[in-house]
């Protein structure tokens, strides 16, 4: 093998590496949305059901509405 062949192979390797880097940079998935608001609201619902069982249905209804709104907003930002 001559030096020209080795240099040509190195140049091809560099070009392939650059192309793959660009390809993977474009396809890198975005960070998934955080779910902590959903977890916190469910924890608050559990606490409400334990402290005031008579109004727990209202708390769970509010939690459901809040969580659905959160998921709609997060999905809208992701897409």
PDB file of N, CA and C in Angstrom:
ATOM      1  N   UNK A   1       0.840  -1.180   0.000  1.00  0.00           N
ATOM      2  CA  UNK A   1       0.000   0.000   0.000  1.00  0.00           C
ATOM      3  C   UNK A   1       0.881   1.239   0.000  1.00  0.00           C
ATOM      4  N   UNK A   2       0.532   2.181  -0.796  1.00  0.00           N
ATOM      5  CA  UNK A   2       1.315   3.417  -0.859  1.00  0.00           C
ATOM      6  C   UNK A   2       0.771   4.435   0.135  1.00  0.00           C
ATOM      7  N   UNK A   3       1.556   5.519   0.331  1.00  0.00           N
ATOM      8  CA  UNK A   3       1.129   6.588   1.222  1.00  0.00           C
ATOM      9  C   UNK A   3      -0.137   7.262   0.705  1.00  0.00           C
ATOM     10  N   UNK A   4      -0.271   7.332  -0.593  1.00  0.00           N
ATOM     11  CA  UNK A   4      -1.465   7.949  -1.174  1.00  0.00           C
ATOM     12  C   UNK A   4      -2.708   7.181  -0.766  1.00  0.00           C
ATOM     13  N   UNK A   5      -2.621   5.873  -0.780  1.00  0.00           N
ATOM     14  CA  UNK A   5      -3.764   5.058  -0.387  1.00  0.00           C
ATOM     15  C   UNK A   5      -4.123   5.285   1.089  1.00  0.00           C
ATOM     16  N   UNK A   6      -3.133   5.401   1.943  1.00  0.00           N
ATOM     17  CA  UNK A   6      -3.387   5.618   3.366  1.00  0.00           C
ATOM     18  C   UNK A   6      -4.002   6.997   3.597  1.00  0.00           C
ATOM     19  N   UNK A   7      -3.486   8.006   2.895  1.00  0.00           N
ATOM     20  CA  UNK A   7      -4.054   9.359   3.042  1.00  0.00           C
ATOM     21  C   UNK A   7      -5.484   9.414   2.517  1.00  0.00           C
ATOM     22  N   UNK A   8      -5.729   8.733   1.425  1.00  0.00           N
ATOM     23  CA  UNK A   8      -7.073   8.702   0.849  1.00  0.00           C
ATOM     24  C   UNK A   8      -8.039   8.011   1.812  1.00  0.00           C
ATOM     25  N   UNK A   9      -7.581   6.905   2.392  1.00  0.00           N
ATOM     26  CA  UNK A   9      -8.429   6.213   3.373  1.00  0.00           C
ATOM     27  C   UNK A   9      -8.711   7.105   4.570  1.00  0.00           C
ATOM     28  N   UNK A  10      -7.709   7.835   5.055  1.00  0.00           N
ATOM     29  CA  UNK A  10      -7.910   8.737   6.193  1.00  0.00           C
ATOM     30  C   UNK A  10      -8.905   9.845   5.842  1.00  0.00           C
ATOM     31  N   UNK A  11      -8.807  10.368   4.621  1.00  0.00           N
ATOM     32  CA  UNK A  11      -9.728  11.418   4.208  1.00  0.00           C
ATOM     33  C   UNK A  11     -11.160  10.882   4.116  1.00  0.00           C
ATOM     34  N   UNK A  12     -11.293   9.696   3.571  1.00  0.00           N
ATOM     35  CA  UNK A  12     -12.617   9.076   3.481  1.00  0.00           C
ATOM     36  C   UNK A  12     -13.173   8.808   4.880  1.00  0.00           C
ATOM     37  N   UNK A  13     -12.344   8.294   5.779  1.00  0.00           N
ATOM     38  CA  UNK A  13     -12.774   8.058   7.155  1.00  0.00           C
ATOM     39  C   UNK A  13     -13.253   9.352   7.816  1.00  0.00           C
ATOM     40  N   UNK A  14     -12.506  10.437   7.611  1.00  0.00           N
ATOM     41  CA  UNK A  14     -12.895  11.727   8.187  1.00  0.00           C
ATOM     42  C   UNK A  14     -14.227  12.208   7.639  1.00  0.00           C
ATOM     43  N   UNK A  15     -14.417  12.057   6.336  1.00  0.00           N
ATOM     44  CA  UNK A  15     -15.671  12.500   5.716  1.00  0.00           C
ATOM     45  C   UNK A  15     -16.851  11.661   6.199  1.00  0.00           C
ATOM     46  N   UNK A  16     -16.630  10.372   6.319  1.00  0.00           N
ATOM     47  CA  UNK A  16     -17.697   9.500   6.815  1.00  0.00           C
ATOM     48  C   UNK A  16     -18.036   9.844   8.271  1.00  0.00           C
ATOM     49  N   UNK A  17     -17.026  10.091   9.077  1.00  0.00           N
ATOM     50  CA  UNK A  17     -17.261  10.454  10.476  1.00  0.00           C
ATOM     51  C   UNK A  17     -18.031  11.764  10.582  1.00  0.00           C
ATOM     52  N   UNK A  18     -17.680  12.752   9.772  1.00  0.00           N
ATOM     53  CA  UNK A  18     -18.393  14.027   9.778  1.00  0.00           C
ATOM     54  C   UNK A  18     -19.844  13.849   9.344  1.00  0.00           C
ATOM     55  N   UNK A  19     -20.044  13.036   8.318  1.00  0.00           N
ATOM     56  CA  UNK A  19     -21.411  12.798   7.835  1.00  0.00           C
ATOM     57  C   UNK A  19     -22.244  12.091   8.902  1.00  0.00           C
ATOM     58  N   UNK A  20     -21.660  11.107   9.574  1.00  0.00           N
ATOM     59  CA  UNK A  20     -22.391  10.410  10.632  1.00  0.00           C
ATOM     60  C   UNK A  20     -22.686  11.333  11.806  1.00  0.00           C
ATOM     61  N   UNK A  21     -21.730  12.176  12.165  1.00  0.00           N
ATOM     62  CA  UNK A  21     -21.972  13.137  13.242  1.00  0.00           C
ATOM     63  C   UNK A  21     -23.135  14.059  12.900  1.00  0.00           C
ATOM     64  N   UNK A  22     -23.167  14.547  11.673  1.00  0.00           N
ATOM     65  CA  UNK A  22     -24.256  15.427  11.252  1.00  0.00           C
ATOM     66  C   UNK A  22     -25.582  14.676  11.252  1.00  0.00           C
ATOM     67  N   UNK A  23     -25.569  13.456  10.785  1.00  0.00           N
ATOM     68  CA  UNK A  23     -26.790  12.645  10.748  1.00  0.00           C
ATOM     69  C   UNK A  23     -27.332  12.394  12.149  1.00  0.00           C
ATOM     70  N   UNK A  24     -26.462  11.992  13.068  1.00  0.00           N
ATOM     71  CA  UNK A  24     -26.918  11.711  14.424  1.00  0.00           C
ATOM     72  C   UNK A  24     -27.310  12.979  15.172  1.00  0.00           C
ATOM     73  N   UNK A  25     -26.702  14.097  14.857  1.00  0.00           N
ATOM     74  CA  UNK A  25     -27.071  15.358  15.489  1.00  0.00           C
ATOM     75  C   UNK A  25     -28.489  15.758  15.094  1.00  0.00           C
ATOM     76  N   UNK A  26     -28.864  15.495  13.851  1.00  0.00           N
ATOM     77  CA  UNK A  26     -30.213  15.809  13.387  1.00  0.00           C
ATOM     78  C   UNK A  26     -31.247  14.851  13.970  1.00  0.00           C
ATOM     79  N   UNK A  27     -30.877  13.613  14.177  1.00  0.00           N
ATOM     80  CA  UNK A  27     -31.826  12.600  14.634  1.00  0.00           C
ATOM     81  C   UNK A  27     -31.870  12.461  16.149  1.00  0.00           C
ATOM     82  N   UNK A  28     -31.063  13.213  16.851  1.00  0.00           N
ATOM     83  CA  UNK A  28     -31.023  13.102  18.308  1.00  0.00           C
ATOM     84  C   UNK A  28     -32.396  13.467  18.873  1.00  0.00           C
ATOM     85  N   UNK A  29     -32.989  12.576  19.636  1.00  0.00           N
ATOM     86  CA  UNK A  29     -34.320  12.872  20.169  1.00  0.00           C
ATOM     87  C   UNK A  29     -34.262  14.000  21.198  1.00  0.00           C
ATOM     88  N   UNK A  30     -35.309  14.779  21.225  1.00  0.00           N
ATOM     89  CA  UNK A  30     -35.368  15.840  22.221  1.00  0.00           C
ATOM     90  C   UNK A  30     -35.621  15.232  23.599  1.00  0.00           C
ATOM     91  N   UNK A  31     -35.292  16.004  24.605  1.00  0.00           N
ATOM     92  CA  UNK A  31     -35.458  15.526  25.977  1.00  0.00           C
ATOM     93  C   UNK A  31     -36.933  15.316  26.281  1.00  0.00           C
ATOM     94  N   UNK A  32     -37.283  14.184  26.849  1.00  0.00           N
ATOM     95  CA  UNK A  32     -38.695  13.952  27.163  1.00  0.00           C
ATOM     96  C   UNK A  32     -39.180  14.929  28.222  1.00  0.00           C
ATOM     97  N   UNK A  33     -40.458  15.305  28.156  1.00  0.00           N
ATOM     98  CA  UNK A  33     -40.981  16.233  29.142  1.00  0.00           C
ATOM     99  C   UNK A  33     -40.961  15.633  30.540  1.00  0.00           C
ATOM    100  N   UNK A  34     -40.796  16.489  31.496  1.00  0.00           N
ATOM    101  CA  UNK A  34     -40.760  16.037  32.881  1.00  0.00           C
ATOM    102  C   UNK A  34     -42.166  15.752  33.376  1.00  0.00           C
ATOM    103  N   UNK A  35     -42.290  14.740  34.193  1.00  0.00           N
ATOM    104  CA  UNK A  35     -43.593  14.328  34.698  1.00  0.00           C
ATOM    105  C   UNK A  35     -43.807  14.732  36.141  1.00  0.00           C
ATOM    106  N   UNK A  36     -42.922  15.558  36.716  1.00  0.00           N
ATOM    107  CA  UNK A  36     -43.059  15.868  38.132  1.00  0.00           C
ATOM    108  C   UNK A  36     -44.359  16.576  38.470  1.00  0.00           C
ATOM    109  N   UNK A  37     -44.948  17.439  37.615  1.00  0.00           N
ATOM    110  CA  UNK A  37     -46.225  18.047  37.996  1.00  0.00           C
ATOM    111  C   UNK A  37     -47.338  17.008  38.157  1.00  0.00           C
ATOM    112  N   UNK A  38     -47.331  15.988  37.324  1.00  0.00           N
ATOM    113  CA  UNK A  38     -48.339  14.936  37.436  1.00  0.00           C
ATOM    114  C   UNK A  38     -48.153  14.167  38.741  1.00  0.00           C
ATOM    115  N   UNK A  39     -46.916  13.847  39.068  1.00  0.00           N
ATOM    116  CA  UNK A  39     -46.631  13.112  40.307  1.00  0.00           C
ATOM    117  C   UNK A  39     -47.021  13.940  41.527  1.00  0.00           C
ATOM    118  N   UNK A  40     -46.717  15.223  41.510  1.00  0.00           N
ATOM    119  CA  UNK A  40     -47.038  16.087  42.648  1.00  0.00           C
ATOM    120  C   UNK A  40     -48.545  16.212  42.823  1.00  0.00           C
ATOM    121  N   UNK A  41     -49.280  16.377  41.731  1.00  0.00           N
ATOM    122  CA  UNK A  41     -50.726  16.512  41.873  1.00  0.00           C
ATOM    123  C   UNK A  41     -51.370  15.223  42.362  1.00  0.00           C
ATOM    124  N   UNK A  42     -50.866  14.093  41.941  1.00  0.00           N
ATOM    125  CA  UNK A  42     -51.406  12.826  42.447  1.00  0.00           C
ATOM    126  C   UNK A  42     -51.095  12.672  43.932  1.00  0.00           C
ATOM    127  N   UNK A  43     -49.912  13.064  44.341  1.00  0.00           N
ATOM    128  CA  UNK A  43     -49.574  13.016  45.772  1.00  0.00           C
ATOM    129  C   UNK A  43     -50.488  13.936  46.572  1.00  0.00           C
ATOM    130  N   UNK A  44     -50.774  15.114  46.047  1.00  0.00           N
ATOM    131  CA  UNK A  44     -51.714  16.003  46.726  1.00  0.00           C
ATOM    132  C   UNK A  44     -53.114  15.402  46.798  1.00  0.00           C
ATOM    133  N   UNK A  45     -53.522  14.704  45.760  1.00  0.00           N
ATOM    134  CA  UNK A  45     -54.824  14.028  45.771  1.00  0.00           C
ATOM    135  C   UNK A  45     -54.888  12.947  46.832  1.00  0.00           C
ATOM    136  N   UNK A  46     -53.819  12.195  46.977  1.00  0.00           N
ATOM    137  CA  UNK A  46     -53.764  11.157  48.011  1.00  0.00           C
ATOM    138  C   UNK A  46     -53.849  11.798  49.387  1.00  0.00           C
ATOM    139  N   UNK A  47     -53.114  12.892  49.590  1.00  0.00           N
ATOM    140  CA  UNK A  47     -53.147  13.577  50.883  1.00  0.00           C
ATOM    141  C   UNK A  47     -54.533  14.142  51.163  1.00  0.00           C
ATOM    142  N   UNK A  48     -55.174  14.697  50.141  1.00  0.00           N
ATOM    143  CA  UNK A  48     -56.522  15.243  50.323  1.00  0.00           C
ATOM    144  C   UNK A  48     -57.521  14.138  50.655  1.00  0.00           C
ATOM    145  N   UNK A  49     -57.417  13.014  49.984  1.00  0.00           N
ATOM    146  CA  UNK A  49     -58.329  11.902  50.248  1.00  0.00           C
ATOM    147  C   UNK A  49     -58.140  11.363  51.659  1.00  0.00           C
ATOM    148  N   UNK A  50     -56.936  11.441  52.170  1.00  0.00           N
ATOM    149  CA  UNK A  50     -56.670  10.962  53.525  1.00  0.00           C
ATOM    150  C   UNK A  50     -57.178  11.960  54.563  1.00  0.00           C
ATOM    151  N   UNK A  51     -56.976  13.250  54.323  1.00  0.00           N
ATOM    152  CA  UNK A  51     -57.357  14.291  55.287  1.00  0.00           C
ATOM    153  C   UNK A  51     -58.849  14.579  55.229  1.00  0.00           C
ATOM    154  N   UNK A  52     -59.427  14.700  54.060  1.00  0.00           N
ATOM    155  CA  UNK A  52     -60.844  15.061  53.919  1.00  0.00           C
ATOM    156  C   UNK A  52     -61.512  14.141  52.905  1.00  0.00           C
ATOM    157  N   UNK A  53     -61.862  12.943  53.331  1.00  0.00           N
ATOM    158  CA  UNK A  53     -62.430  11.975  52.377  1.00  0.00           C
ATOM    159  C   UNK A  53     -63.749  12.427  51.745  1.00  0.00           C
ATOM    160  N   UNK A  54     -64.475  13.305  52.401  1.00  0.00           N
ATOM    161  CA  UNK A  54     -65.755  13.755  51.863  1.00  0.00           C
ATOM    162  C   UNK A  54     -65.626  14.597  50.609  1.00  0.00           C
ATOM    163  N   UNK A  55     -64.544  15.305  50.465  1.00  0.00           N
ATOM    164  CA  UNK A  55     -64.352  16.168  49.293  1.00  0.00           C
ATOM    165  C   UNK A  55     -63.269  15.620  48.357  1.00  0.00           C
ATOM    166  N   UNK A  56     -62.900  14.395  48.568  1.00  0.00           N
ATOM    167  CA  UNK A  56     -61.833  13.809  47.745  1.00  0.00           C
ATOM    168  C   UNK A  56     -62.211  13.752  46.268  1.00  0.00           C
ATOM    169  N   UNK A  57     -63.483  13.539  45.972  1.00  0.00           N
ATOM    170  CA  UNK A  57     -63.902  13.474  44.571  1.00  0.00           C
ATOM    171  C   UNK A  57     -63.610  14.790  43.857  1.00  0.00           C
ATOM    172  N   UNK A  58     -63.821  15.914  44.554  1.00  0.00           N
ATOM    173  CA  UNK A  58     -63.553  17.217  43.944  1.00  0.00           C
ATOM    174  C   UNK A  58     -62.046  17.404  43.704  1.00  0.00           C
ATOM    175  N   UNK A  59     -61.255  16.950  44.677  1.00  0.00           N
ATOM    176  CA  UNK A  59     -59.804  17.050  44.515  1.00  0.00           C
ATOM    177  C   UNK A  59     -59.341  16.206  43.337  1.00  0.00           C
ATOM    178  N   UNK A  60     -59.841  14.993  43.220  1.00  0.00           N
ATOM    179  CA  UNK A  60     -59.431  14.127  42.116  1.00  0.00           C
ATOM    180  C   UNK A  60     -59.908  14.663  40.769  1.00  0.00           C
ATOM    181  N   UNK A  61     -61.080  15.308  40.737  1.00  0.00           N
ATOM    182  CA  UNK A  61     -61.553  15.927  39.504  1.00  0.00           C
ATOM    183  C   UNK A  61     -60.626  17.074  39.095  1.00  0.00           C
ATOM    184  N   UNK A  62     -60.253  17.904  40.068  1.00  0.00           N
ATOM    185  CA  UNK A  62     -59.329  19.005  39.781  1.00  0.00           C
ATOM    186  C   UNK A  62     -57.969  18.479  39.327  1.00  0.00           C
ATOM    187  N   UNK A  63     -57.513  17.412  39.944  1.00  0.00           N
ATOM    188  CA  UNK A  63     -56.236  16.806  39.562  1.00  0.00           C
ATOM    189  C   UNK A  63     -56.299  16.266  38.141  1.00  0.00           C
ATOM    190  N   UNK A  64     -57.384  15.608  37.806  1.00  0.00           N
ATOM    191  CA  UNK A  64     -57.524  15.058  36.451  1.00  0.00           C
ATOM    192  C   UNK A  64     -57.504  16.175  35.412  1.00  0.00           C
ATOM    193  N   UNK A  65     -58.236  17.253  35.677  1.00  0.00           N
ATOM    194  CA  UNK A  65     -58.262  18.371  34.733  1.00  0.00           C
ATOM    195  C   UNK A  65     -56.874  19.005  34.610  1.00  0.00           C
ATOM    196  N   UNK A  66     -56.208  19.201  35.742  1.00  0.00           N
ATOM    197  CA  UNK A  66     -54.873  19.791  35.734  1.00  0.00           C
ATOM    198  C   UNK A  66     -53.890  18.917  34.965  1.00  0.00           C
ATOM    199  N   UNK A  67     -53.928  17.619  35.204  1.00  0.00           N
ATOM    200  CA  UNK A  67     -52.989  16.711  34.532  1.00  0.00           C
ATOM    201  C   UNK A  67     -53.249  16.630  33.031  1.00  0.00           C
ATOM    202  N   UNK A  68     -54.505  16.615  32.634  1.00  0.00           N
ATOM    203  CA  UNK A  68     -54.817  16.584  31.204  1.00  0.00           C
ATOM    204  C   UNK A  68     -54.333  17.880  30.545  1.00  0.00           C
ATOM    205  N   UNK A  69     -54.581  19.015  31.204  1.00  0.00           N
ATOM    206  CA  UNK A  69     -54.112  20.289  30.651  1.00  0.00           C
ATOM    207  C   UNK A  69     -52.586  20.301  30.541  1.00  0.00           C
ATOM    208  N   UNK A  70     -51.907  19.789  31.567  1.00  0.00           N
ATOM    209  CA  UNK A  70     -50.437  19.735  31.539  1.00  0.00           C
ATOM    210  C   UNK A  70     -49.945  18.884  30.369  1.00  0.00           C
ATOM    211  N   UNK A  71     -50.552  17.728  30.197  1.00  0.00           N
ATOM    212  CA  UNK A  71     -50.108  16.833  29.128  1.00  0.00           C
ATOM    213  C   UNK A  71     -50.387  17.428  27.752  1.00  0.00           C
ATOM    214  N   UNK A  72     -51.489  18.157  27.598  1.00  0.00           N
ATOM    215  CA  UNK A  72     -51.785  18.798  26.319  1.00  0.00           C
ATOM    216  C   UNK A  72     -50.759  19.884  26.029  1.00  0.00           C
ATOM    217  N   UNK A  73     -50.419  20.681  27.030  1.00  0.00           N
ATOM    218  CA  UNK A  73     -49.445  21.755  26.843  1.00  0.00           C
ATOM    219  C   UNK A  73     -48.069  21.172  26.524  1.00  0.00           C
ATOM    220  N   UNK A  74     -47.664  20.143  27.242  1.00  0.00           N
ATOM    221  CA  UNK A  74     -46.344  19.535  27.017  1.00  0.00           C
ATOM    222  C   UNK A  74     -46.288  18.913  25.625  1.00  0.00           C
ATOM    223  N   UNK A  75     -47.334  18.244  25.228  1.00  0.00           N
ATOM    224  CA  UNK A  75     -47.355  17.622  23.902  1.00  0.00           C
ATOM    225  C   UNK A  75     -47.312  18.688  22.816  1.00  0.00           C
ATOM    226  N   UNK A  76     -47.988  19.812  23.039  1.00  0.00           N
ATOM    227  CA  UNK A  76     -47.971  20.905  22.068  1.00  0.00           C
ATOM    228  C   UNK A  76     -46.596  21.501  21.907  1.00  0.00           C
ATOM    229  N   UNK A  77     -45.824  21.599  22.984  1.00  0.00           N
ATOM    230  CA  UNK A  77     -44.469  22.141  22.907  1.00  0.00           C
ATOM    231  C   UNK A  77     -43.523  21.157  22.228  1.00  0.00           C
ATOM    232  N   UNK A  78     -43.760  19.848  22.431  1.00  0.00           N
ATOM    233  CA  UNK A  78     -42.866  18.844  21.867  1.00  0.00           C
ATOM    234  C   UNK A  78     -43.053  18.710  20.358  1.00  0.00           C
ATOM    235  N   UNK A  79     -44.253  18.944  19.876  1.00  0.00           N
ATOM    236  CA  UNK A  79     -44.528  18.722  18.460  1.00  0.00           C
ATOM    237  C   UNK A  79     -44.412  19.898  17.653  1.00  0.00           C
TER     238      UNK A  79
END
